[in-house]
Amino acid sequence: MFGDKSMGVKEKRLIESVLFSTSEPISINQIKETTGLSSNKIKTSLEELIEDYNITRKNETSMEVIKAGEKYIMQVKKQYADQTIQVTRPEIESTLLKTLTLIAFHQPLKQSNLRRMIGQKVYEHVDQLADLKLINTRKHGSTEMLTTTKLFPEYFGIESSEPEEIKSFLIKKVAGKLKDKELA
């Protein structure tokens, strides 16, 4: 009997480590492919982990295990997420990074002017960048005025938060990339 119980703990810890190491929700089948465990053992362990994190140890941990549709994820609880994003560097996809660079280079920049540069995706990109706390938006007539936040230079390792110094940094980066391409 003791062997069965310790095996359950071992399986639960394995599934916990899989959830911890992934940044996206993961399905039972994906966990099964990764661990080789049966679907029933995975379901049981997931239910136990949800109970552990969300009920039993709710006030003892900043993490939670969530079922999102048919997938599961371990994540930082909402009340800790804002502070955490300042420490972690979320990956930014290249199209979003281009939008962020335009904002940083032209700041303060009206959202309506940015829309002329990149099209309709501006609204989605501005929302995502604001959620990442990399830009500020403030009402400016019928549009929004966009600027970078104090987190922007920290994220990219820029020494200053002054718009002119950020612009100078970006010009040097672009010039360096162009020079590298010429040498290649």
Protein backbone atom coordinates (compact mmCIF):
# COMPACT_ATOMS: atom_id res chain seq x y z
CA MET A 1 0.00 0.00 0.00
CA PHE A 2 2.81 2.41 0.93
CA GLY A 3 4.45 1.79 -2.49
CA ASP A 4 1.25 2.76 -4.30
CA LYS A 5 0.95 6.02 -2.32
CA SER A 6 4.59 7.03 -2.91
CA MET A 7 4.21 6.25 -6.61
CA GLY A 8 1.18 8.60 -6.70
CA VAL A 9 3.24 11.36 -5.09
CA LYS A 10 6.05 10.77 -7.58
CA GLU A 11 3.64 10.98 -10.52
CA LYS A 12 2.01 14.11 -9.08
CA ARG A 13 5.43 15.79 -8.70
CA LEU A 14 6.31 14.84 -12.28
CA ILE A 15 3.10 16.42 -13.59
CA GLU A 16 3.67 19.46 -11.36
CA SER A 17 7.14 19.91 -12.90
CA VAL A 18 5.69 19.66 -16.42
CA LEU A 19 3.08 22.34 -15.60
CA PHE A 20 5.73 24.54 -14.00
CA SER A 21 8.08 24.31 -16.98
CA THR A 22 5.56 25.21 -19.70
CA SER A 23 4.41 28.75 -20.41
CA GLU A 24 1.30 27.69 -22.35
CA PRO A 25 -1.71 25.59 -21.29
CA ILE A 26 -1.02 21.88 -21.88
CA SER A 27 -3.46 19.03 -22.59
CA ILE A 28 -3.67 15.65 -20.89
CA ASN A 29 -2.43 14.06 -24.13
CA GLN A 30 0.61 16.36 -24.21
CA ILE A 31 1.38 15.46 -20.59
CA LYS A 32 0.91 11.78 -21.48
CA GLU A 33 3.37 12.09 -24.41
CA THR A 34 5.91 13.83 -22.17
CA THR A 35 5.62 11.60 -19.09
CA GLY A 36 4.40 8.24 -20.38
CA LEU A 37 1.76 8.18 -17.61
CA SER A 38 -1.80 6.96 -18.20
CA SER A 39 -4.61 9.48 -18.78
CA ASN A 40 -6.35 8.38 -15.57
CA LYS A 41 -3.22 8.91 -13.44
CA ILE A 42 -2.72 12.32 -15.06
CA LYS A 43 -6.35 13.36 -14.45
CA THR A 44 -6.15 12.26 -10.80
CA SER A 45 -2.85 14.08 -10.27
CA LEU A 46 -4.19 17.25 -11.95
CA GLU A 47 -7.26 17.22 -9.71
CA GLU A 48 -5.00 16.84 -6.66
CA LEU A 49 -2.72 19.66 -7.83
CA ILE A 50 -5.70 21.95 -8.40
CA GLU A 51 -6.92 21.16 -4.88
CA ASP A 52 -3.41 21.62 -3.41
CA TYR A 53 -2.69 24.97 -5.05
CA ASN A 54 -6.17 26.49 -5.19
CA ILE A 55 -7.74 25.27 -1.93
CA THR A 56 -5.44 23.52 0.60
CA ARG A 57 -2.38 25.80 0.14
CA LYS A 58 -4.26 28.77 -1.31
CA ASN A 59 -2.85 31.27 1.20
CA GLU A 60 0.65 29.73 1.24
CA THR A 61 1.58 30.10 -2.44
CA SER A 62 1.61 32.72 -5.17
CA MET A 63 0.93 30.02 -7.80
CA GLU A 64 -2.31 28.44 -9.01
CA VAL A 65 -3.21 25.53 -11.28
CA ILE A 66 -5.98 26.41 -13.72
CA LYS A 67 -8.04 24.34 -16.14
CA ALA A 68 -8.44 26.35 -19.35
CA GLY A 69 -10.90 24.50 -21.58
CA GLU A 70 -9.38 21.03 -21.95
CA LYS A 71 -5.87 22.20 -21.00
CA TYR A 72 -4.09 22.98 -17.74
CA ILE A 73 -1.55 25.59 -16.70
CA MET A 74 0.35 26.58 -13.58
CA GLN A 75 0.59 30.34 -13.35
CA VAL A 76 1.28 33.22 -11.00
CA LYS A 77 -1.90 34.41 -9.29
CA LYS A 78 -3.32 37.65 -10.72
CA GLN A 79 -2.57 39.67 -7.56
CA TYR A 80 1.18 38.92 -7.98
CA ALA A 81 1.41 39.14 -11.77
CA ASP A 82 2.06 42.91 -12.01
CA GLN A 83 5.09 42.74 -9.75
CA THR A 84 6.36 39.59 -11.45
CA ILE A 85 6.30 41.05 -14.96
CA GLN A 86 8.79 43.67 -13.81
CA VAL A 87 11.28 40.91 -13.02
CA THR A 88 10.64 38.49 -15.85
CA ARG A 89 11.20 39.42 -19.46
CA PRO A 90 8.25 38.17 -21.47
CA GLU A 91 9.03 37.14 -25.02
CA ILE A 92 7.81 39.67 -27.54
CA GLU A 93 6.97 38.51 -31.06
CA SER A 94 8.75 40.36 -33.88
CA THR A 95 5.71 42.23 -35.26
CA LEU A 96 4.89 43.51 -31.77
CA LEU A 97 8.53 44.44 -31.25
CA LYS A 98 8.47 46.51 -34.46
CA THR A 99 5.40 48.38 -33.19
CA LEU A 100 7.09 48.98 -29.85
CA THR A 101 10.20 50.29 -31.62
CA LEU A 102 8.11 52.75 -33.64
CA ILE A 103 6.45 54.03 -30.46
CA ALA A 104 9.81 54.37 -28.69
CA PHE A 105 11.41 56.12 -31.65
CA HIS A 106 8.59 58.60 -32.32
CA GLN A 107 7.32 59.17 -28.76
CA PRO A 108 5.16 60.83 -27.83
CA LEU A 109 3.18 59.29 -30.70
CA LYS A 110 -0.52 59.58 -31.46
CA GLN A 111 -2.16 56.19 -31.93
CA SER A 112 -3.86 57.57 -35.06
CA ASN A 113 -0.40 58.29 -36.57
CA LEU A 114 0.80 54.82 -35.62
CA ARG A 115 -2.30 53.38 -37.33
CA ARG A 116 -1.23 55.10 -40.56
CA MET A 117 2.18 53.41 -40.24
CA ILE A 118 1.11 49.84 -39.42
CA GLY A 119 -2.63 49.57 -40.12
CA GLN A 120 -5.49 48.05 -38.12
CA LYS A 121 -3.28 45.80 -35.99
CA VAL A 122 -2.32 48.94 -34.05
CA TYR A 123 -5.20 48.50 -31.60
CA GLU A 124 -4.32 44.92 -30.69
CA HIS A 125 -0.61 45.77 -30.45
CA VAL A 126 -1.20 48.80 -28.21
CA ASP A 127 -3.37 46.70 -25.88
CA GLN A 128 -0.72 43.95 -25.70
CA LEU A 129 2.14 46.41 -25.09
CA ALA A 130 0.13 48.22 -22.40
CA ASP A 131 -0.63 44.83 -20.75
CA LEU A 132 3.12 44.11 -20.74
CA LYS A 133 3.60 47.52 -19.04
CA LEU A 134 6.00 48.62 -21.80
CA ILE A 135 3.91 51.60 -22.98
CA ASN A 136 1.60 54.18 -21.45
CA THR A 137 -1.54 55.37 -23.17
CA ARG A 138 -3.41 58.54 -22.32
CA LYS A 139 -6.43 60.12 -23.95
CA HIS A 140 -5.53 62.89 -26.40
CA GLY A 141 -8.62 64.26 -28.10
CA SER A 142 -10.18 61.46 -30.12
CA THR A 143 -7.04 59.31 -30.07
CA GLU A 144 -4.45 58.08 -27.56
CA MET A 145 -0.97 59.45 -26.94
CA LEU A 146 1.61 56.66 -26.64
CA THR A 147 4.90 56.75 -24.73
CA THR A 148 7.22 54.12 -23.29
CA THR A 149 7.20 53.30 -19.56
CA LYS A 150 10.10 53.10 -17.11
CA LEU A 151 10.03 49.34 -17.67
CA PHE A 152 10.91 49.79 -21.38
CA PRO A 153 14.58 50.79 -20.89
CA GLU A 154 14.99 48.19 -18.13
CA TYR A 155 13.66 45.48 -20.44
CA PHE A 156 16.10 46.37 -23.22
CA GLY A 157 19.07 47.33 -21.05
CA ILE A 158 19.00 51.02 -22.00
CA GLU A 159 20.74 53.30 -19.50
CA SER A 160 18.15 56.11 -19.66
CA SER A 161 14.40 56.57 -19.78
CA GLU A 162 14.71 59.91 -21.62
CA PRO A 163 12.98 59.73 -25.05
CA GLU A 164 15.92 61.37 -26.87
CA GLU A 165 18.41 58.92 -25.38
CA ILE A 166 16.13 55.97 -26.23
CA LYS A 167 15.92 57.28 -29.81
CA SER A 168 19.73 57.57 -29.97
CA PHE A 169 20.08 53.99 -28.64
CA LEU A 170 17.65 52.69 -31.28
CA ILE A 171 19.47 54.55 -34.09
CA LYS A 172 22.79 52.98 -32.98
CA LYS A 173 21.18 49.51 -32.85
CA VAL A 174 19.68 49.85 -36.35
CA ALA A 175 22.92 51.31 -37.75
CA GLY A 176 24.85 48.41 -36.19
CA LYS A 177 22.50 45.86 -37.77
CA LEU A 178 22.81 47.56 -41.18
CA LYS A 179 26.61 47.58 -40.87
CA ASP A 180 26.59 43.85 -39.94
CA LYS A 181 24.50 43.10 -43.05
CA GLU A 182 26.93 45.03 -45.27
CA LEU A 183 29.87 43.03 -43.88
CA ALA A 184 28.09 39.70 -44.38
